[in-house]
mmCIF file of all heavy atoms, coordinates in Angstrom:
data_MODEL
# 
_entry.id   MODEL 
# 
loop_
_atom_site.group_PDB 
_atom_site.id 
_atom_site.type_symbol 
_atom_site.label_atom_id 
_atom_site.label_alt_id 
_atom_site.label_comp_id 
_atom_site.label_asym_id 
_atom_site.label_entity_id 
_atom_site.label_seq_id 
_atom_site.pdbx_PDB_ins_code 
_atom_site.Cartn_x 
_atom_site.Cartn_y 
_atom_site.Cartn_z 
_atom_site.occupancy 
_atom_site.B_iso_or_equiv 
_atom_site.pdbx_formal_charge 
_atom_site.auth_seq_id 
_atom_site.auth_comp_id 
_atom_site.auth_asym_id 
_atom_site.auth_atom_id 
_atom_site.pdbx_PDB_model_num 
ATOM 1   N N   . VAL A 1 1  ? 62.671 9.056  -94.251 1.00 0.00 ? 1  VAL A N   1 
ATOM 2   C CA  . VAL A 1 1  ? 61.789 9.700  -93.277 1.00 0.00 ? 1  VAL A CA  1 
ATOM 3   C C   . VAL A 1 1  ? 61.618 8.832  -92.041 1.00 0.00 ? 1  VAL A C   1 
ATOM 4   O O   . VAL A 1 1  ? 61.631 9.326  -90.904 1.00 0.00 ? 1  VAL A O   1 
ATOM 5   C CB  . VAL A 1 1  ? 60.423 10.015 -93.916 1.00 0.00 ? 1  VAL A CB  1 
ATOM 6   C CG1 . VAL A 1 1  ? 59.437 10.538 -92.864 1.00 0.00 ? 1  VAL A CG1 1 
ATOM 7   C CG2 . VAL A 1 1  ? 60.591 11.042 -95.029 1.00 0.00 ? 1  VAL A CG2 1 
ATOM 8   N N   . LEU A 1 2  ? 61.462 7.532  -92.249 1.00 0.00 ? 2  LEU A N   1 
ATOM 9   C CA  . LEU A 1 2  ? 61.323 6.639  -91.102 1.00 0.00 ? 2  LEU A CA  1 
ATOM 10  C C   . LEU A 1 2  ? 62.575 6.653  -90.232 1.00 0.00 ? 2  LEU A C   1 
ATOM 11  O O   . LEU A 1 2  ? 62.502 6.683  -89.009 1.00 0.00 ? 2  LEU A O   1 
ATOM 12  C CB  . LEU A 1 2  ? 61.043 5.219  -91.587 1.00 0.00 ? 2  LEU A CB  1 
ATOM 13  C CG  . LEU A 1 2  ? 60.809 4.177  -90.489 1.00 0.00 ? 2  LEU A CG  1 
ATOM 14  C CD1 . LEU A 1 2  ? 59.612 4.558  -89.637 1.00 0.00 ? 2  LEU A CD1 1 
ATOM 15  C CD2 . LEU A 1 2  ? 60.637 2.798  -91.090 1.00 0.00 ? 2  LEU A CD2 1 
ATOM 16  N N   . GLU A 1 3  ? 63.736 6.657  -90.889 1.00 0.00 ? 3  GLU A N   1 
ATOM 17  C CA  . GLU A 1 3  ? 64.995 6.712  -90.127 1.00 0.00 ? 3  GLU A CA  1 
ATOM 18  C C   . GLU A 1 3  ? 65.120 8.026  -89.364 1.00 0.00 ? 3  GLU A C   1 
ATOM 19  O O   . GLU A 1 3  ? 65.579 8.050  -88.224 1.00 0.00 ? 3  GLU A O   1 
ATOM 20  C CB  . GLU A 1 3  ? 66.170 6.539  -91.080 1.00 0.00 ? 3  GLU A CB  1 
ATOM 21  C CG  . GLU A 1 3  ? 67.520 6.515  -90.381 1.00 0.00 ? 3  GLU A CG  1 
ATOM 22  C CD  . GLU A 1 3  ? 68.659 6.287  -91.349 1.00 0.00 ? 3  GLU A CD  1 
ATOM 23  O OE1 . GLU A 1 3  ? 68.394 5.997  -92.527 1.00 0.00 ? 3  GLU A OE1 1 
ATOM 24  O OE2 . GLU A 1 3  ? 69.821 6.414  -90.919 1.00 0.00 ? 3  GLU A OE2 1 
ATOM 25  N N   . ASP A 1 4  ? 64.699 9.118  -89.999 1.00 0.00 ? 4  ASP A N   1 
ATOM 26  C CA  . ASP A 1 4  ? 64.794 10.416 -89.347 1.00 0.00 ? 4  ASP A CA  1 
ATOM 27  C C   . ASP A 1 4  ? 63.837 10.512 -88.167 1.00 0.00 ? 4  ASP A C   1 
ATOM 28  O O   . ASP A 1 4  ? 64.195 11.009 -87.090 1.00 0.00 ? 4  ASP A O   1 
ATOM 29  C CB  . ASP A 1 4  ? 64.491 11.532 -90.348 1.00 0.00 ? 4  ASP A CB  1 
ATOM 30  C CG  . ASP A 1 4  ? 65.503 11.565 -91.485 1.00 0.00 ? 4  ASP A CG  1 
ATOM 31  O OD1 . ASP A 1 4  ? 66.643 11.130 -91.256 1.00 0.00 ? 4  ASP A OD1 1 
ATOM 32  O OD2 . ASP A 1 4  ? 65.137 12.015 -92.588 1.00 0.00 ? 4  ASP A OD2 1 
ATOM 33  N N   . LEU A 1 5  ? 62.599 10.045 -88.372 1.00 0.00 ? 5  LEU A N   1 
ATOM 34  C CA  . LEU A 1 5  ? 61.613 10.091 -87.291 1.00 0.00 ? 5  LEU A CA  1 
ATOM 35  C C   . LEU A 1 5  ? 61.966 9.115  -86.172 1.00 0.00 ? 5  LEU A C   1 
ATOM 36  O O   . LEU A 1 5  ? 61.595 9.316  -85.018 1.00 0.00 ? 5  LEU A O   1 
ATOM 37  C CB  . LEU A 1 5  ? 60.217 9.770  -87.834 1.00 0.00 ? 5  LEU A CB  1 
ATOM 38  C CG  . LEU A 1 5  ? 59.567 10.850 -88.698 1.00 0.00 ? 5  LEU A CG  1 
ATOM 39  C CD1 . LEU A 1 5  ? 58.263 10.333 -89.289 1.00 0.00 ? 5  LEU A CD1 1 
ATOM 40  C CD2 . LEU A 1 5  ? 59.307 12.118 -87.895 1.00 0.00 ? 5  LEU A CD2 1 
ATOM 41  N N   . SER A 1 6  ? 62.673 8.066  -86.526 1.00 0.00 ? 6  SER A N   1 
ATOM 42  C CA  . SER A 1 6  ? 63.020 7.030  -85.546 1.00 0.00 ? 6  SER A CA  1 
ATOM 43  C C   . SER A 1 6  ? 64.457 7.178  -85.065 1.00 0.00 ? 6  SER A C   1 
ATOM 44  O O   . SER A 1 6  ? 65.094 6.199  -84.684 1.00 0.00 ? 6  SER A O   1 
ATOM 45  C CB  . SER A 1 6  ? 62.823 5.642  -86.172 1.00 0.00 ? 6  SER A CB  1 
ATOM 46  O OG  . SER A 1 6  ? 61.545 5.516  -86.728 1.00 0.00 ? 6  SER A OG  1 
ATOM 47  N N   . PHE A 1 7  ? 64.960 8.397  -85.104 1.00 0.00 ? 7  PHE A N   1 
ATOM 48  C CA  . PHE A 1 7  ? 66.357 8.647  -84.747 1.00 0.00 ? 7  PHE A CA  1 
ATOM 49  C C   . PHE A 1 7  ? 66.679 8.100  -83.360 1.00 0.00 ? 7  PHE A C   1 
ATOM 50  O O   . PHE A 1 7  ? 67.702 7.453  -83.150 1.00 0.00 ? 7  PHE A O   1 
ATOM 51  C CB  . PHE A 1 7  ? 66.628 10.144 -84.808 1.00 0.00 ? 7  PHE A CB  1 
ATOM 52  C CG  . PHE A 1 7  ? 68.031 10.517 -84.436 1.00 0.00 ? 7  PHE A CG  1 
ATOM 53  C CD1 . PHE A 1 7  ? 69.089 10.227 -85.269 1.00 0.00 ? 7  PHE A CD1 1 
ATOM 54  C CD2 . PHE A 1 7  ? 68.302 11.154 -83.232 1.00 0.00 ? 7  PHE A CD2 1 
ATOM 55  C CE1 . PHE A 1 7  ? 70.391 10.565 -84.926 1.00 0.00 ? 7  PHE A CE1 1 
ATOM 56  C CE2 . PHE A 1 7  ? 69.589 11.495 -82.880 1.00 0.00 ? 7  PHE A CE2 1 
ATOM 57  C CZ  . PHE A 1 7  ? 70.639 11.206 -83.737 1.00 0.00 ? 7  PHE A CZ  1 
ATOM 58  N N   . ILE A 1 8  ? 65.801 8.351  -82.390 1.00 0.00 ? 8  ILE A N   1 
ATOM 59  C CA  . ILE A 1 8  ? 66.040 7.878  -81.025 1.00 0.00 ? 8  ILE A CA  1 
ATOM 60  C C   . ILE A 1 8  ? 66.012 6.361  -80.973 1.00 0.00 ? 8  ILE A C   1 
ATOM 61  O O   . ILE A 1 8  ? 66.732 5.736  -80.186 1.00 0.00 ? 8  ILE A O   1 
ATOM 62  C CB  . ILE A 1 8  ? 64.989 8.483  -80.065 1.00 0.00 ? 8  ILE A CB  1 
ATOM 63  C CG1 . ILE A 1 8  ? 65.093 10.004 -80.081 1.00 0.00 ? 8  ILE A CG1 1 
ATOM 64  C CG2 . ILE A 1 8  ? 65.187 7.960  -78.651 1.00 0.00 ? 8  ILE A CG2 1 
ATOM 65  C CD1 . ILE A 1 8  ? 66.442 10.537 -79.674 1.00 0.00 ? 8  ILE A CD1 1 
ATOM 66  N N   . VAL A 1 9  ? 65.190 5.730  -81.827 1.00 0.00 ? 9  VAL A N   1 
ATOM 67  C CA  . VAL A 1 9  ? 65.140 4.271  -81.856 1.00 0.00 ? 9  VAL A CA  1 
ATOM 68  C C   . VAL A 1 9  ? 66.510 3.696  -82.203 1.00 0.00 ? 9  VAL A C   1 
ATOM 69  O O   . VAL A 1 9  ? 67.029 2.802  -81.537 1.00 0.00 ? 9  VAL A O   1 
ATOM 70  C CB  . VAL A 1 9  ? 64.088 3.793  -82.883 1.00 0.00 ? 9  VAL A CB  1 
ATOM 71  C CG1 . VAL A 1 9  ? 64.125 2.273  -83.023 1.00 0.00 ? 9  VAL A CG1 1 
ATOM 72  C CG2 . VAL A 1 9  ? 62.696 4.252  -82.462 1.00 0.00 ? 9  VAL A CG2 1 
ATOM 73  N N   . TRP A 1 10 ? 67.100 4.224  -83.294 1.00 0.00 ? 10 TRP A N   1 
ATOM 74  C CA  . TRP A 1 10 ? 68.381 3.680  -83.749 1.00 0.00 ? 10 TRP A CA  1 
ATOM 75  C C   . TRP A 1 10 ? 69.539 4.075  -82.825 1.00 0.00 ? 10 TRP A C   1 
ATOM 76  O O   . TRP A 1 10 ? 70.530 3.340  -82.719 1.00 0.00 ? 10 TRP A O   1 
ATOM 77  C CB  . TRP A 1 10 ? 68.685 4.172  -85.165 1.00 0.00 ? 10 TRP A CB  1 
ATOM 78  C CG  . TRP A 1 10 ? 67.558 3.994  -86.142 1.00 0.00 ? 10 TRP A CG  1 
ATOM 79  C CD1 . TRP A 1 10 ? 66.972 4.955  -86.900 1.00 0.00 ? 10 TRP A CD1 1 
ATOM 80  C CD2 . TRP A 1 10 ? 66.866 2.784  -86.467 1.00 0.00 ? 10 TRP A CD2 1 
ATOM 81  N NE1 . TRP A 1 10 ? 65.964 4.436  -87.665 1.00 0.00 ? 10 TRP A NE1 1 
ATOM 82  C CE2 . TRP A 1 10 ? 65.883 3.088  -87.417 1.00 0.00 ? 10 TRP A CE2 1 
ATOM 83  C CE3 . TRP A 1 10 ? 66.980 1.458  -86.037 1.00 0.00 ? 10 TRP A CE3 1 
ATOM 84  C CZ2 . TRP A 1 10 ? 65.027 2.151  -87.946 1.00 0.00 ? 10 TRP A CZ2 1 
ATOM 85  C CZ3 . TRP A 1 10 ? 66.128 0.518  -86.572 1.00 0.00 ? 10 TRP A CZ3 1 
ATOM 86  C CH2 . TRP A 1 10 ? 65.168 0.856  -87.515 1.00 0.00 ? 10 TRP A CH2 1 
ATOM 87  N N   . GLU A 1 11 ? 69.444 5.218  -82.176 1.00 0.00 ? 11 GLU A N   1 
ATOM 88  C CA  . GLU A 1 11 ? 70.571 5.732  -81.392 1.00 0.00 ? 11 GLU A CA  1 
ATOM 89  C C   . GLU A 1 11 ? 70.390 5.554  -79.887 1.00 0.00 ? 11 GLU A C   1 
ATOM 90  O O   . GLU A 1 11 ? 71.181 6.083  -79.116 1.00 0.00 ? 11 GLU A O   1 
ATOM 91  C CB  . GLU A 1 11 ? 70.773 7.221  -81.690 1.00 0.00 ? 11 GLU A CB  1 
ATOM 92  C CG  . GLU A 1 11 ? 71.141 7.526  -83.131 1.00 0.00 ? 11 GLU A CG  1 
ATOM 93  C CD  . GLU A 1 11 ? 72.520 7.012  -83.496 1.00 0.00 ? 11 GLU A CD  1 
ATOM 94  O OE1 . GLU A 1 11 ? 73.345 6.807  -82.576 1.00 0.00 ? 11 GLU A OE1 1 
ATOM 95  O OE2 . GLU A 1 11 ? 72.772 6.807  -84.690 1.00 0.00 ? 11 GLU A OE2 1 
ATOM 96  N N   . PHE A 1 12 ? 69.367 4.812  -79.474 1.00 0.00 ? 12 PHE A N   1 
ATOM 97  C CA  . PHE A 1 12 ? 69.081 4.762  -78.041 1.00 0.00 ? 12 PHE A CA  1 
ATOM 98  C C   . PHE A 1 12 ? 70.241 4.165  -77.256 1.00 0.00 ? 12 PHE A C   1 
ATOM 99  O O   . PHE A 1 12 ? 70.620 4.665  -76.198 1.00 0.00 ? 12 PHE A O   1 
ATOM 100 C CB  . PHE A 1 12 ? 67.807 3.952  -77.780 1.00 0.00 ? 12 PHE A CB  1 
ATOM 101 C CG  . PHE A 1 12 ? 67.281 4.115  -76.379 1.00 0.00 ? 12 PHE A CG  1 
ATOM 102 C CD1 . PHE A 1 12 ? 66.373 5.110  -76.077 1.00 0.00 ? 12 PHE A CD1 1 
ATOM 103 C CD2 . PHE A 1 12 ? 67.720 3.290  -75.355 1.00 0.00 ? 12 PHE A CD2 1 
ATOM 104 C CE1 . PHE A 1 12 ? 65.906 5.279  -74.796 1.00 0.00 ? 12 PHE A CE1 1 
ATOM 105 C CE2 . PHE A 1 12 ? 67.258 3.451  -74.062 1.00 0.00 ? 12 PHE A CE2 1 
ATOM 106 C CZ  . PHE A 1 12 ? 66.345 4.437  -73.785 1.00 0.00 ? 12 PHE A CZ  1 
ATOM 107 N N   . ASP A 1 13 ? 70.826 3.089  -77.769 1.00 0.00 ? 13 ASP A N   1 
ATOM 108 C CA  . ASP A 1 13 ? 71.933 2.439  -77.068 1.00 0.00 ? 13 ASP A CA  1 
ATOM 109 C C   . ASP A 1 13 ? 73.117 3.385  -76.918 1.00 0.00 ? 13 ASP A C   1 
ATOM 110 O O   . ASP A 1 13 ? 73.689 3.555  -75.840 1.00 0.00 ? 13 ASP A O   1 
ATOM 111 C CB  . ASP A 1 13 ? 72.335 1.177  -77.825 1.00 0.00 ? 13 ASP A CB  1 
ATOM 112 C CG  . ASP A 1 13 ? 73.400 0.382  -77.080 1.00 0.00 ? 13 ASP A CG  1 
ATOM 113 O OD1 . ASP A 1 13 ? 73.501 0.541  -75.859 1.00 0.00 ? 13 ASP A OD1 1 
ATOM 114 O OD2 . ASP A 1 13 ? 74.122 -0.393 -77.734 1.00 0.00 ? 13 ASP A OD2 1 
ATOM 115 N N   . SER A 1 14 ? 73.500 4.018  -78.047 1.00 0.00 ? 14 SER A N   1 
ATOM 116 C CA  . SER A 1 14 ? 74.622 4.965  -78.001 1.00 0.00 ? 14 SER A CA  1 
ATOM 117 C C   . SER A 1 14 ? 74.285 6.171  -77.136 1.00 0.00 ? 14 SER A C   1 
ATOM 118 O O   . SER A 1 14 ? 75.143 6.705  -76.419 1.00 0.00 ? 14 SER A O   1 
ATOM 119 C CB  . SER A 1 14 ? 74.978 5.425  -79.420 1.00 0.00 ? 14 SER A CB  1 
ATOM 120 O OG  . SER A 1 14 ? 75.384 4.340  -80.212 1.00 0.00 ? 14 SER A OG  1 
ATOM 121 N N   . LEU A 1 15 ? 73.036 6.607  -77.197 1.00 0.00 ? 15 LEU A N   1 
ATOM 122 C CA  . LEU A 1 15 ? 72.623 7.754  -76.400 1.00 0.00 ? 15 LEU A CA  1 
ATOM 123 C C   . LEU A 1 15 ? 72.710 7.447  -74.910 1.00 0.00 ? 15 LEU A C   1 
ATOM 124 O O   . LEU A 1 15 ? 73.061 8.319  -74.108 1.00 0.00 ? 15 LEU A O   1 
ATOM 125 C CB  . LEU A 1 15 ? 71.189 8.154  -76.774 1.00 0.00 ? 15 LEU A CB  1 
ATOM 126 C CG  . LEU A 1 15 ? 70.652 9.442  -76.153 1.00 0.00 ? 15 LEU A CG  1 
ATOM 127 C CD1 . LEU A 1 15 ? 71.499 10.635 -76.557 1.00 0.00 ? 15 LEU A CD1 1 
ATOM 128 C CD2 . LEU A 1 15 ? 69.202 9.660  -76.561 1.00 0.00 ? 15 LEU A CD2 1 
ATOM 129 N N   . ALA A 1 16 ? 72.419 6.211  -74.535 1.00 0.00 ? 16 ALA A N   1 
ATOM 130 C CA  . ALA A 1 16 ? 72.526 5.823  -73.130 1.00 0.00 ? 16 ALA A CA  1 
ATOM 131 C C   . ALA A 1 16 ? 73.976 5.901  -72.658 1.00 0.00 ? 16 ALA A C   1 
ATOM 132 O O   . ALA A 1 16 ? 74.269 6.399  -71.565 1.00 0.00 ? 16 ALA A O   1 
ATOM 133 C CB  . ALA A 1 16 ? 71.975 4.415  -72.938 1.00 0.00 ? 16 ALA A CB  1 
ATOM 134 N N   . GLU A 1 17 ? 74.913 5.411  -73.488 1.00 0.00 ? 17 GLU A N   1 
ATOM 135 C CA  . GLU A 1 17 ? 76.326 5.506  -73.130 1.00 0.00 ? 17 GLU A CA  1 
ATOM 136 C C   . GLU A 1 17 ? 76.785 6.960  -73.083 1.00 0.00 ? 17 GLU A C   1 
ATOM 137 O O   . GLU A 1 17 ? 77.580 7.348  -72.224 1.00 0.00 ? 17 GLU A O   1 
ATOM 138 C CB  . GLU A 1 17 ? 77.168 4.725  -74.139 1.00 0.00 ? 17 GLU A CB  1 
ATOM 139 C CG  . GLU A 1 17 ? 77.004 3.223  -74.058 1.00 0.00 ? 17 GLU A CG  1 
ATOM 140 C CD  . GLU A 1 17 ? 78.081 2.491  -74.822 1.00 0.00 ? 17 GLU A CD  1 
ATOM 141 O OE1 . GLU A 1 17 ? 79.238 2.963  -74.807 1.00 0.00 ? 17 GLU A OE1 1 
ATOM 142 O OE2 . GLU A 1 17 ? 77.777 1.460  -75.428 1.00 0.00 ? 17 GLU A OE2 1 
ATOM 143 N N   . PHE A 1 18 ? 76.311 7.750  -74.017 1.00 0.00 ? 18 PHE A N   1 
ATOM 144 C CA  . PHE A 1 18 ? 76.673 9.162  -74.059 1.00 0.00 ? 18 PHE A CA  1 
ATOM 145 C C   . PHE A 1 18 ? 76.200 9.880  -72.800 1.00 0.00 ? 18 PHE A C   1 
ATOM 146 O O   . PHE A 1 18 ? 76.930 10.670 -72.200 1.00 0.00 ? 18 PHE A O   1 
ATOM 147 C CB  . PHE A 1 18 ? 76.051 9.788  -75.300 1.00 0.00 ? 18 PHE A CB  1 
ATOM 148 C CG  . PHE A 1 18 ? 76.330 11.258 -75.443 1.00 0.00 ? 18 PHE A CG  1 
ATOM 149 C CD1 . PHE A 1 18 ? 77.626 11.736 -75.434 1.00 0.00 ? 18 PHE A CD1 1 
ATOM 150 C CD2 . PHE A 1 18 ? 75.292 12.161 -75.594 1.00 0.00 ? 18 PHE A CD2 1 
ATOM 151 C CE1 . PHE A 1 18 ? 77.886 13.088 -75.572 1.00 0.00 ? 18 PHE A CE1 1 
ATOM 152 C CE2 . PHE A 1 18 ? 75.545 13.506 -75.734 1.00 0.00 ? 18 PHE A CE2 1 
ATOM 153 C CZ  . PHE A 1 18 ? 76.842 13.974 -75.719 1.00 0.00 ? 18 PHE A CZ  1 
ATOM 154 N N   . SER A 1 19 ? 74.981 9.602  -72.375 1.00 0.00 ? 19 SER A N   1 
ATOM 155 C CA  . SER A 1 19 ? 74.454 10.217 -71.167 1.00 0.00 ? 19 SER A CA  1 
ATOM 156 C C   . SER A 1 19 ? 75.291 9.830  -69.954 1.00 0.00 ? 19 SER A C   1 
ATOM 157 O O   . SER A 1 19 ? 75.547 10.650 -69.065 1.00 0.00 ? 19 SER A O   1 
ATOM 158 C CB  . SER A 1 19 ? 73.000 9.792  -70.959 1.00 0.00 ? 19 SER A CB  1 
ATOM 159 O OG  . SER A 1 19 ? 72.481 10.334 -69.778 1.00 0.00 ? 19 SER A OG  1 
ATOM 160 N N   . ALA A 1 20 ? 75.756 8.560  -69.917 1.00 0.00 ? 20 ALA A N   1 
ATOM 161 C CA  . ALA A 1 20 ? 76.602 8.122  -68.811 1.00 0.00 ? 20 ALA A CA  1 
ATOM 162 C C   . ALA A 1 20 ? 77.919 8.897  -68.795 1.00 0.00 ? 20 ALA A C   1 
ATOM 163 O O   . ALA A 1 20 ? 78.411 9.298  -67.734 1.00 0.00 ? 20 ALA A O   1 
ATOM 164 C CB  . ALA A 1 20 ? 76.871 6.620  -68.935 1.00 0.00 ? 20 ALA A CB  1 
ATOM 165 N N   . SER A 1 21 ? 78.496 9.142  -69.971 1.00 0.00 ? 21 SER A N   1 
ATOM 166 C CA  . SER A 1 21 ? 79.750 9.902  -70.045 1.00 0.00 ? 21 SER A CA  1 
ATOM 167 C C   . SER A 1 21 ? 79.539 11.337 -69.584 1.00 0.00 ? 21 SER A C   1 
ATOM 168 O O   . SER A 1 21 ? 80.398 11.908 -68.904 1.00 0.00 ? 21 SER A O   1 
ATOM 169 C CB  . SER A 1 21 ? 80.285 9.882  -71.477 1.00 0.00 ? 21 SER A CB  1 
ATOM 170 O OG  . SER A 1 21 ? 80.622 8.584  -71.876 1.00 0.00 ? 21 SER A OG  1 
ATOM 171 N N   . ILE A 1 22 ? 78.418 11.934 -69.951 1.00 0.00 ? 22 ILE A N   1 
ATOM 172 C CA  . ILE A 1 22 ? 78.122 13.299 -69.509 1.00 0.00 ? 22 ILE A CA  1 
ATOM 173 C C   . ILE A 1 22 ? 78.078 13.362 -67.995 1.00 0.00 ? 22 ILE A C   1 
ATOM 174 O O   . ILE A 1 22 ? 78.660 14.247 -67.364 1.00 0.00 ? 22 ILE A O   1 
ATOM 175 C CB  . ILE A 1 22 ? 76.790 13.789 -70.106 1.00 0.00 ? 22 ILE A CB  1 
ATOM 176 C CG1 . ILE A 1 22 ? 76.931 14.023 -71.613 1.00 0.00 ? 22 ILE A CG1 1 
ATOM 177 C CG2 . ILE A 1 22 ? 76.346 15.081 -69.434 1.00 0.00 ? 22 ILE A CG2 1 
ATOM 178 C CD1 . ILE A 1 22 ? 75.643 14.455 -72.275 1.00 0.00 ? 22 ILE A CD1 1 
ATOM 179 N N   . ARG A 1 23 ? 77.382 12.408 -67.389 1.00 0.00 ? 23 ARG A N   1 
ATOM 180 C CA  . ARG A 1 23 ? 77.265 12.406 -65.927 1.00 0.00 ? 23 ARG A CA  1 
ATOM 181 C C   . ARG A 1 23 ? 78.625 12.277 -65.259 1.00 0.00 ? 23 ARG A C   1 
ATOM 182 O O   . ARG A 1 23 ? 78.946 12.997 -64.317 1.00 0.00 ? 23 ARG A O   1 
ATOM 183 C CB  . ARG A 1 23 ? 76.366 11.250 -65.478 1.00 0.00 ? 23 ARG A CB  1 
ATOM 184 C CG  . ARG A 1 23 ? 74.913 11.389 -65.863 1.00 0.00 ? 23 ARG A CG  1 
ATOM 185 C CD  . ARG A 1 23 ? 74.140 10.218 -65.310 1.00 0.00 ? 23 ARG A CD  1 
ATOM 186 N NE  . ARG A 1 23 ? 72.775 10.190 -65.795 1.00 0.00 ? 23 ARG A NE  1 
ATOM 187 C CZ  . ARG A 1 23 ? 71.890 9.280  -65.449 1.00 0.00 ? 23 ARG A CZ  1 
ATOM 188 N NH1 . ARG A 1 23 ? 72.237 8.319  -64.619 1.00 0.00 ? 23 ARG A NH1 1 
ATOM 189 N NH2 . ARG A 1 23 ? 70.665 9.310  -65.919 1.00 0.00 ? 23 ARG A NH2 1 
ATOM 190 N N   . ARG A 1 24 ? 79.433 11.331 -65.752 1.00 0.00 ? 24 ARG A N   1 
ATOM 191 C CA  . ARG A 1 24 ? 80.715 11.082 -65.115 1.00 0.00 ? 24 ARG A CA  1 
ATOM 192 C C   . ARG A 1 24 ? 81.666 12.270 -65.301 1.00 0.00 ? 24 ARG A C   1 
ATOM 193 O O   . ARG A 1 24 ? 82.390 12.644 -64.380 1.00 0.00 ? 24 ARG A O   1 
ATOM 194 C CB  . ARG A 1 24 ? 81.340 9.804  -65.678 1.00 0.00 ? 24 ARG A CB  1 
ATOM 195 C CG  . ARG A 1 24 ? 80.631 8.538  -65.226 1.00 0.00 ? 24 ARG A CG  1 
ATOM 196 C CD  . ARG A 1 24 ? 81.142 7.307  -65.965 1.00 0.00 ? 24 ARG A CD  1 
ATOM 197 N NE  . ARG A 1 24 ? 82.576 7.148  -65.801 1.00 0.00 ? 24 ARG A NE  1 
ATOM 198 C CZ  . ARG A 1 24 ? 83.163 6.633  -64.725 1.00 0.00 ? 24 ARG A CZ  1 
ATOM 199 N NH1 . ARG A 1 24 ? 82.418 6.235  -63.700 1.00 0.00 ? 24 ARG A NH1 1 
ATOM 200 N NH2 . ARG A 1 24 ? 84.464 6.499  -64.660 1.00 0.00 ? 24 ARG A NH2 1 
ATOM 201 N N   . LEU A 1 25 ? 81.670 12.864 -66.481 1.00 0.00 ? 25 LEU A N   1 
ATOM 202 C CA  . LEU A 1 25 ? 82.520 14.032 -66.706 1.00 0.00 ? 25 LEU A CA  1 
ATOM 203 C C   . LEU A 1 25 ? 82.063 15.210 -65.871 1.00 0.00 ? 25 LEU A C   1 
ATOM 204 O O   . LEU A 1 25 ? 82.882 15.935 -65.294 1.00 0.00 ? 25 LEU A O   1 
ATOM 205 C CB  . LEU A 1 25 ? 82.511 14.404 -68.185 1.00 0.00 ? 25 LEU A CB  1 
ATOM 206 C CG  . LEU A 1 25 ? 83.364 13.542 -69.119 1.00 0.00 ? 25 LEU A CG  1 
ATOM 207 C CD1 . LEU A 1 25 ? 83.187 14.005 -70.552 1.00 0.00 ? 25 LEU A CD1 1 
ATOM 208 C CD2 . LEU A 1 25 ? 84.832 13.612 -68.722 1.00 0.00 ? 25 LEU A CD2 1 
# 
């Protein structure tokens, strides 16, 4: 449950790179 609720915590770094790829594409 903690991992699920903290999904953005664990994935923030990857999410930042993903957002950059979306912008560039």
